[in-house]
């Protein structure tokens, strides 16, 4: 079920605050899907989802190789019959303030991540929300 981004219900938003792992789908340069497990966060006020990662990961390279306009991506989490997918355009940032924001949000939802001097943040401008929470 698609959701109006301006009126996501409390159960849907609460689901995005629970400790749930997600799948993150990007497209490789040859157009095939690359799907990996990630920790992700969602800020409903700015409609921004975030994934922290090493700058050398395939998911980061897929987003970067899509070009400066970004890449269409999807984040999905499932818990039995509850599921939620966020879709949007992703870009990668090395900006220390943006990376710190990503780490802080990750820490709040999961736990402090390991130290990684090559860390970047993938920021997703969410334009579609699907699911049933």
C-alpha atoms as a PDB file:
ATOM      1  CA  UNK A   1       0.000   0.000   0.000  1.00  0.00           C
ATOM      2  CA  UNK A   2       1.394   3.433  -0.968  1.00  0.00           C
ATOM      3  CA  UNK A   3       1.408   6.166   1.650  1.00  0.00           C
ATOM      4  CA  UNK A   4       1.023   9.916   1.401  1.00  0.00           C
ATOM      5  CA  UNK A   5       4.444  11.183   2.483  1.00  0.00           C
ATOM      6  CA  UNK A   6       2.858  14.150   4.244  1.00  0.00           C
ATOM      7  CA  UNK A   7       0.721  11.887   6.420  1.00  0.00           C
ATOM      8  CA  UNK A   8       2.652   8.750   7.335  1.00  0.00           C
ATOM      9  CA  UNK A   9       0.855   7.111  10.251  1.00  0.00           C
ATOM     10  CA  UNK A  10       2.325   6.599  13.711  1.00  0.00           C
ATOM     11  CA  UNK A  11       2.671   2.816  13.321  1.00  0.00           C
ATOM     12  CA  UNK A  12       4.637   3.210  10.076  1.00  0.00           C
ATOM     13  CA  UNK A  13       6.967   5.783  11.625  1.00  0.00           C
ATOM     14  CA  UNK A  14       7.394   3.707  14.796  1.00  0.00           C
ATOM     15  CA  UNK A  15       8.400   0.727  12.657  1.00  0.00           C
ATOM     16  CA  UNK A  16      11.238   2.847  11.217  1.00  0.00           C
ATOM     17  CA  UNK A  17      12.486   3.536  14.753  1.00  0.00           C
ATOM     18  CA  UNK A  18      12.582  -0.126  15.823  1.00  0.00           C
ATOM     19  CA  UNK A  19      15.775  -2.155  15.648  1.00  0.00           C
ATOM     20  CA  UNK A  20      15.194  -3.697  12.233  1.00  0.00           C
ATOM     21  CA  UNK A  21      17.740  -4.509   9.559  1.00  0.00           C
ATOM     22  CA  UNK A  22      16.904  -3.437   6.033  1.00  0.00           C
ATOM     23  CA  UNK A  23      17.711  -4.437   2.512  1.00  0.00           C
ATOM     24  CA  UNK A  24      19.167  -1.725   0.324  1.00  0.00           C
ATOM     25  CA  UNK A  25      18.738  -2.047  -3.419  1.00  0.00           C
ATOM     26  CA  UNK A  26      20.892  -0.182  -5.938  1.00  0.00           C
ATOM     27  CA  UNK A  27      21.572  -0.868  -9.581  1.00  0.00           C
ATOM     28  CA  UNK A  28      24.962  -1.961 -10.845  1.00  0.00           C
ATOM     29  CA  UNK A  29      26.323  -0.217 -13.959  1.00  0.00           C
ATOM     30  CA  UNK A  30      25.020  -3.145 -16.058  1.00  0.00           C
ATOM     31  CA  UNK A  31      21.493  -2.544 -14.711  1.00  0.00           C
ATOM     32  CA  UNK A  32      21.275  -5.622 -12.494  1.00  0.00           C
ATOM     33  CA  UNK A  33      20.074  -5.175  -8.907  1.00  0.00           C
ATOM     34  CA  UNK A  34      22.510  -5.229  -6.009  1.00  0.00           C
ATOM     35  CA  UNK A  35      20.703  -5.999  -2.741  1.00  0.00           C
ATOM     36  CA  UNK A  36      22.512  -5.971   0.608  1.00  0.00           C
ATOM     37  CA  UNK A  37      21.554  -5.878   4.289  1.00  0.00           C
ATOM     38  CA  UNK A  38      22.112  -2.525   6.005  1.00  0.00           C
ATOM     39  CA  UNK A  39      21.196  -0.501   9.019  1.00  0.00           C
ATOM     40  CA  UNK A  40      19.192   2.519   7.907  1.00  0.00           C
ATOM     41  CA  UNK A  41      17.418   5.485   9.426  1.00  0.00           C
ATOM     42  CA  UNK A  42      14.528   7.633   8.303  1.00  0.00           C
ATOM     43  CA  UNK A  43      13.811  11.264   9.201  1.00  0.00           C
ATOM     44  CA  UNK A  44      10.146  11.865   8.329  1.00  0.00           C
ATOM     45  CA  UNK A  45      10.466  15.632   8.863  1.00  0.00           C
ATOM     46  CA  UNK A  46      12.979  16.032   6.027  1.00  0.00           C
ATOM     47  CA  UNK A  47      11.959  12.846   4.172  1.00  0.00           C
ATOM     48  CA  UNK A  48      15.593  11.723   4.283  1.00  0.00           C
ATOM     49  CA  UNK A  49      16.740   8.153   4.791  1.00  0.00           C
ATOM     50  CA  UNK A  50      20.388   7.466   5.551  1.00  0.00           C
ATOM     51  CA  UNK A  51      22.781   4.545   5.256  1.00  0.00           C
ATOM     52  CA  UNK A  52      26.353   4.800   6.522  1.00  0.00           C
ATOM     53  CA  UNK A  53      28.992   2.818   4.683  1.00  0.00           C
ATOM     54  CA  UNK A  54      32.595   2.573   3.629  1.00  0.00           C
ATOM     55  CA  UNK A  55      33.342   4.684   0.548  1.00  0.00           C
ATOM     56  CA  UNK A  56      34.717   1.599  -1.255  1.00  0.00           C
ATOM     57  CA  UNK A  57      31.575  -0.542  -0.919  1.00  0.00           C
ATOM     58  CA  UNK A  58      29.713  -1.690  -4.027  1.00  0.00           C
ATOM     59  CA  UNK A  59      26.521   0.078  -2.918  1.00  0.00           C
ATOM     60  CA  UNK A  60      28.365   3.396  -2.623  1.00  0.00           C
ATOM     61  CA  UNK A  61      30.057   2.884  -5.980  1.00  0.00           C
ATOM     62  CA  UNK A  62      26.696   2.075  -7.585  1.00  0.00           C
ATOM     63  CA  UNK A  63      25.238   5.362  -6.353  1.00  0.00           C
ATOM     64  CA  UNK A  64      28.317   7.386  -7.340  1.00  0.00           C
ATOM     65  CA  UNK A  65      28.541   5.754 -10.776  1.00  0.00           C
ATOM     66  CA  UNK A  66      24.923   6.715 -11.482  1.00  0.00           C
ATOM     67  CA  UNK A  67      26.107  10.327 -11.768  1.00  0.00           C
ATOM     68  CA  UNK A  68      25.754  13.610  -9.906  1.00  0.00           C
ATOM     69  CA  UNK A  69      21.946  13.560 -10.098  1.00  0.00           C
ATOM     70  CA  UNK A  70      21.935  10.445  -7.908  1.00  0.00           C
ATOM     71  CA  UNK A  71      20.527   6.953  -8.239  1.00  0.00           C
ATOM     72  CA  UNK A  72      17.053   5.499  -7.712  1.00  0.00           C
ATOM     73  CA  UNK A  73      17.201   3.161  -4.727  1.00  0.00           C
ATOM     74  CA  UNK A  74      14.942   1.295  -2.331  1.00  0.00           C
ATOM     75  CA  UNK A  75      15.206   0.481   1.375  1.00  0.00           C
ATOM     76  CA  UNK A  76      12.971  -2.262   2.734  1.00  0.00           C
ATOM     77  CA  UNK A  77      12.433  -3.831   6.124  1.00  0.00           C
ATOM     78  CA  UNK A  78      10.224  -6.802   6.988  1.00  0.00           C
ATOM     79  CA  UNK A  79       8.972  -8.232  10.257  1.00  0.00           C
ATOM     80  CA  UNK A  80       6.477 -11.033   9.626  1.00  0.00           C
ATOM     81  CA  UNK A  81       3.424  -9.372   8.056  1.00  0.00           C
ATOM     82  CA  UNK A  82       4.730  -5.853   8.702  1.00  0.00           C
ATOM     83  CA  UNK A  83       6.830  -4.327   5.969  1.00  0.00           C
ATOM     84  CA  UNK A  84       7.950  -0.902   4.855  1.00  0.00           C
ATOM     85  CA  UNK A  85       9.757   0.295   1.747  1.00  0.00           C
ATOM     86  CA  UNK A  86      11.175   3.750   1.142  1.00  0.00           C
ATOM     87  CA  UNK A  87      12.095   4.728  -2.408  1.00  0.00           C
ATOM     88  CA  UNK A  88      13.947   7.779  -3.618  1.00  0.00           C
ATOM     89  CA  UNK A  89      17.066   9.288  -5.111  1.00  0.00           C
ATOM     90  CA  UNK A  90      20.344   8.618  -3.319  1.00  0.00           C
ATOM     91  CA  UNK A  91      23.557  10.610  -3.295  1.00  0.00           C
ATOM     92  CA  UNK A  92      26.802  10.009  -1.406  1.00  0.00           C
ATOM     93  CA  UNK A  93      28.385  12.565   0.884  1.00  0.00           C
ATOM     94  CA  UNK A  94      31.814  12.690   2.503  1.00  0.00           C
ATOM     95  CA  UNK A  95      30.973  15.963   4.283  1.00  0.00           C
ATOM     96  CA  UNK A  96      32.021  15.429   7.924  1.00  0.00           C
ATOM     97  CA  UNK A  97      28.864  17.058   9.311  1.00  0.00           C
ATOM     98  CA  UNK A  98      26.585  14.905   7.157  1.00  0.00           C
ATOM     99  CA  UNK A  99      28.538  11.756   8.015  1.00  0.00           C
ATOM    100  CA  UNK A 100      28.314  12.666  11.717  1.00  0.00           C
ATOM    101  CA  UNK A 101      24.544  13.119  11.356  1.00  0.00           C
ATOM    102  CA  UNK A 102      24.300   9.689   9.748  1.00  0.00           C
ATOM    103  CA  UNK A 103      26.379   8.121  12.524  1.00  0.00           C
ATOM    104  CA  UNK A 104      24.322   9.815  15.252  1.00  0.00           C
ATOM    105  CA  UNK A 105      21.055   8.570  13.781  1.00  0.00           C
ATOM    106  CA  UNK A 106      22.483   5.066  13.258  1.00  0.00           C
ATOM    107  CA  UNK A 107      23.676   5.029  16.892  1.00  0.00           C
ATOM    108  CA  UNK A 108      20.214   6.055  18.095  1.00  0.00           C
ATOM    109  CA  UNK A 109      18.466   3.263  16.195  1.00  0.00           C
ATOM    110  CA  UNK A 110      21.071   0.503  16.516  1.00  0.00           C
ATOM    111  CA  UNK A 111      24.342   1.027  18.413  1.00  0.00           C
ATOM    112  CA  UNK A 112      27.558   2.984  17.889  1.00  0.00           C
ATOM    113  CA  UNK A 113      29.168   1.786  14.644  1.00  0.00           C
ATOM    114  CA  UNK A 114      32.769   0.659  14.489  1.00  0.00           C
ATOM    115  CA  UNK A 115      35.378   3.302  13.731  1.00  0.00           C
ATOM    116  CA  UNK A 116      35.793   3.728   9.982  1.00  0.00           C
ATOM    117  CA  UNK A 117      37.990   6.514   8.559  1.00  0.00           C
ATOM    118  CA  UNK A 118      36.571   5.768   5.080  1.00  0.00           C
ATOM    119  CA  UNK A 119      32.955   6.272   6.175  1.00  0.00           C
ATOM    120  CA  UNK A 120      30.502   8.136   3.963  1.00  0.00           C
ATOM    121  CA  UNK A 121      26.777   8.612   4.223  1.00  0.00           C
ATOM    122  CA  UNK A 122      24.266   7.716   1.543  1.00  0.00           C
ATOM    123  CA  UNK A 123      21.400  10.206   1.757  1.00  0.00           C
ATOM    124  CA  UNK A 124      18.118   9.253   0.132  1.00  0.00           C
ATOM    125  CA  UNK A 125      15.542  11.907  -0.730  1.00  0.00           C
ATOM    126  CA  UNK A 126      12.459   9.780  -0.131  1.00  0.00           C
ATOM    127  CA  UNK A 127       9.657  10.330  -2.618  1.00  0.00           C
ATOM    128  CA  UNK A 128       7.623   7.158  -2.096  1.00  0.00           C
ATOM    129  CA  UNK A 129       6.673   5.091   0.936  1.00  0.00           C
ATOM    130  CA  UNK A 130       5.022   1.691   0.733  1.00  0.00           C
ATOM    131  CA  UNK A 131       4.074  -0.873   3.307  1.00  0.00           C
ATOM    132  CA  UNK A 132       1.876  -2.097   6.086  1.00  0.00           C
ATOM    133  CA  UNK A 133       3.109  -1.644   9.626  1.00  0.00           C
END
